[in-house]
Amino acid sequence: QLQPVESGGGLVLPGDSLRLSCAASGPTFSSYTMAWFRQAPGKEREFVAALFRNYGRTYYSDSVKGRFTISRDNAKNTVYLQMNSLKPEDTAVYYCAADRGIILSQIRTAASYDYWGQGTQVTVSS
């Protein structure tokens, strides 16, 4: 069982950068697909980025592609989300998710992930 814990959120100006971290305690971290989702007030939770287990392929939503980068450090049991060129519409609570048995067709679906962090707030505002 994996327990993700997010950190790194905050208040930034449009155009700024921010890096989120997700530390996940538990064995065999590298065998888990790790993902980031976000939820803005009044909206459904949406997929942001994922890093598939073992093979390391990355996937992004169209809204963040080219601006955000997901990466992992298996030695530290941590996954990161580097966010550049932030926009006000990126404002949301960002959640880290993990799952060991997910398949590629499910990777963008929140309900497919078994383990979730508590979320970290990111606010982009001038």
Protein backbone atom coordinates (compact mmCIF):
# COMPACT_ATOMS: atom_id res chain seq x y z
CA GLN A 1 0.00 0.00 0.00
CA LEU A 2 1.24 3.45 -0.93
CA GLN A 3 0.53 6.71 0.93
CA PRO A 4 1.21 9.81 -1.21
CA VAL A 5 1.89 13.15 0.49
CA GLU A 6 2.02 16.31 -1.64
CA SER A 7 3.96 19.50 -0.95
CA GLY A 8 5.13 22.60 -2.76
CA GLY A 9 1.93 24.47 -3.47
CA GLY A 10 1.55 28.19 -2.98
CA LEU A 11 0.57 31.57 -4.39
CA VAL A 12 2.45 32.69 -7.49
CA LEU A 13 2.16 35.31 -10.22
CA PRO A 14 1.14 34.50 -13.79
CA GLY A 15 4.20 33.36 -15.71
CA ASP A 16 5.96 32.05 -12.62
CA SER A 17 7.14 28.50 -12.01
CA LEU A 18 6.43 26.08 -9.18
CA ARG A 19 7.48 22.53 -8.42
CA LEU A 20 5.20 20.14 -6.61
CA SER A 21 6.51 17.05 -4.86
CA CYS A 22 4.77 13.87 -3.91
CA ALA A 23 6.52 11.58 -1.44
CA ALA A 24 5.02 8.12 -1.40
CA SER A 25 5.89 5.79 1.44
CA GLY A 26 5.68 2.11 0.70
CA PRO A 27 7.60 -0.66 -0.98
CA THR A 28 8.13 -1.15 -4.70
CA PHE A 29 7.51 2.50 -5.56
CA SER A 30 8.88 2.03 -9.07
CA SER A 31 6.13 -0.45 -9.88
CA TYR A 32 3.43 2.19 -9.42
CA THR A 33 2.06 4.50 -12.07
CA MET A 34 2.10 7.99 -10.61
CA ALA A 35 -0.14 10.84 -11.69
CA TRP A 36 -1.20 14.37 -10.92
CA PHE A 37 -4.79 15.54 -11.03
CA ARG A 38 -6.26 18.90 -10.12
CA GLN A 39 -9.61 20.22 -9.03
CA ALA A 40 -10.75 23.82 -9.23
CA PRO A 41 -13.73 25.11 -7.20
CA GLY A 42 -16.99 23.96 -8.72
CA LYS A 43 -15.27 21.73 -11.25
CA GLU A 44 -14.59 18.04 -11.55
CA ARG A 45 -11.19 16.58 -10.84
CA GLU A 46 -9.17 16.58 -14.06
CA PHE A 47 -6.12 14.74 -15.28
CA VAL A 48 -2.89 16.73 -15.49
CA ALA A 49 0.00 14.33 -16.04
CA ALA A 50 1.08 10.74 -15.47
CA LEU A 51 4.23 8.71 -15.51
CA PHE A 52 3.65 5.06 -16.30
CA ARG A 53 5.28 2.44 -14.14
CA ASN A 54 8.47 0.71 -15.18
CA TYR A 55 8.65 2.02 -18.76
CA GLY A 56 8.59 5.64 -17.62
CA ARG A 57 6.48 7.02 -20.46
CA THR A 58 4.81 10.34 -19.67
CA TYR A 59 1.36 11.61 -20.54
CA TYR A 60 -0.09 15.11 -20.30
CA SER A 61 -3.37 16.88 -20.71
CA ASP A 62 -3.52 19.24 -23.66
CA SER A 63 -3.91 22.21 -21.33
CA VAL A 64 -0.50 21.69 -19.69
CA LYS A 65 1.52 20.03 -22.44
CA GLY A 66 4.72 21.96 -23.06
CA ARG A 67 4.48 23.81 -19.74
CA PHE A 68 4.42 21.04 -17.11
CA THR A 69 6.85 18.16 -16.65
CA ILE A 70 6.30 15.07 -14.54
CA SER A 71 9.30 13.12 -13.29
CA ARG A 72 10.18 10.64 -10.59
CA ASP A 73 13.11 9.74 -8.38
CA ASN A 74 12.68 6.11 -7.40
CA ALA A 75 15.55 6.29 -4.92
CA LYS A 76 13.62 8.95 -3.01
CA ASN A 77 10.15 7.47 -3.59
CA THR A 78 9.13 10.86 -4.95
CA VAL A 79 7.36 12.16 -8.03
CA TYR A 80 7.55 15.78 -9.12
CA LEU A 81 5.47 18.14 -11.20
CA GLN A 82 7.45 21.06 -12.58
CA MET A 83 5.03 23.77 -13.62
CA ASN A 84 6.26 26.61 -15.81
CA SER A 85 4.50 29.57 -17.40
CA LEU A 86 1.67 29.28 -14.91
CA LYS A 87 -1.68 30.79 -15.79
CA PRO A 88 -4.62 31.84 -13.60
CA GLU A 89 -6.59 28.89 -15.00
CA ASP A 90 -4.02 26.55 -13.43
CA THR A 91 -5.38 27.54 -10.02
CA ALA A 92 -6.63 24.41 -8.28
CA VAL A 93 -5.93 21.86 -5.59
CA TYR A 94 -3.38 19.44 -7.02
CA TYR A 95 -3.56 15.80 -6.04
CA CYS A 96 -1.01 13.04 -6.38
CA ALA A 97 -2.36 9.62 -7.27
CA ALA A 98 -0.83 6.19 -7.51
CA ASP A 99 -1.84 2.80 -8.75
CA ARG A 100 -0.01 -0.43 -9.38
CA GLY A 101 -2.37 -2.23 -11.73
CA ILE A 102 -3.52 0.57 -14.00
CA ILE A 103 -3.43 0.05 -17.76
CA LEU A 104 -2.70 2.70 -20.36
CA SER A 105 -6.32 3.19 -21.40
CA GLN A 106 -7.19 4.12 -17.81
CA ILE A 107 -4.31 6.46 -17.11
CA ARG A 108 -6.34 9.69 -17.47
CA THR A 109 -9.26 8.48 -15.34
CA ALA A 110 -9.27 9.49 -11.68
CA ALA A 111 -11.42 6.56 -10.61
CA SER A 112 -8.73 4.16 -11.82
CA TYR A 113 -6.28 5.19 -9.09
CA ASP A 114 -6.41 3.54 -5.67
CA TYR A 115 -4.13 5.82 -3.66
CA TRP A 116 -4.46 9.59 -3.23
CA GLY A 117 -2.75 12.35 -1.33
CA GLN A 118 -4.53 15.09 0.58
CA GLY A 119 -3.84 17.72 -2.06
CA THR A 120 -1.89 20.96 -2.19
CA GLN A 121 -3.29 24.34 -3.22
CA VAL A 122 -1.81 26.18 -6.18
CA THR A 123 -3.04 29.73 -6.76
CA VAL A 124 -1.93 31.77 -9.76
CA SER A 125 -2.99 35.38 -9.40
CA SER A 126 -1.70 38.89 -9.91
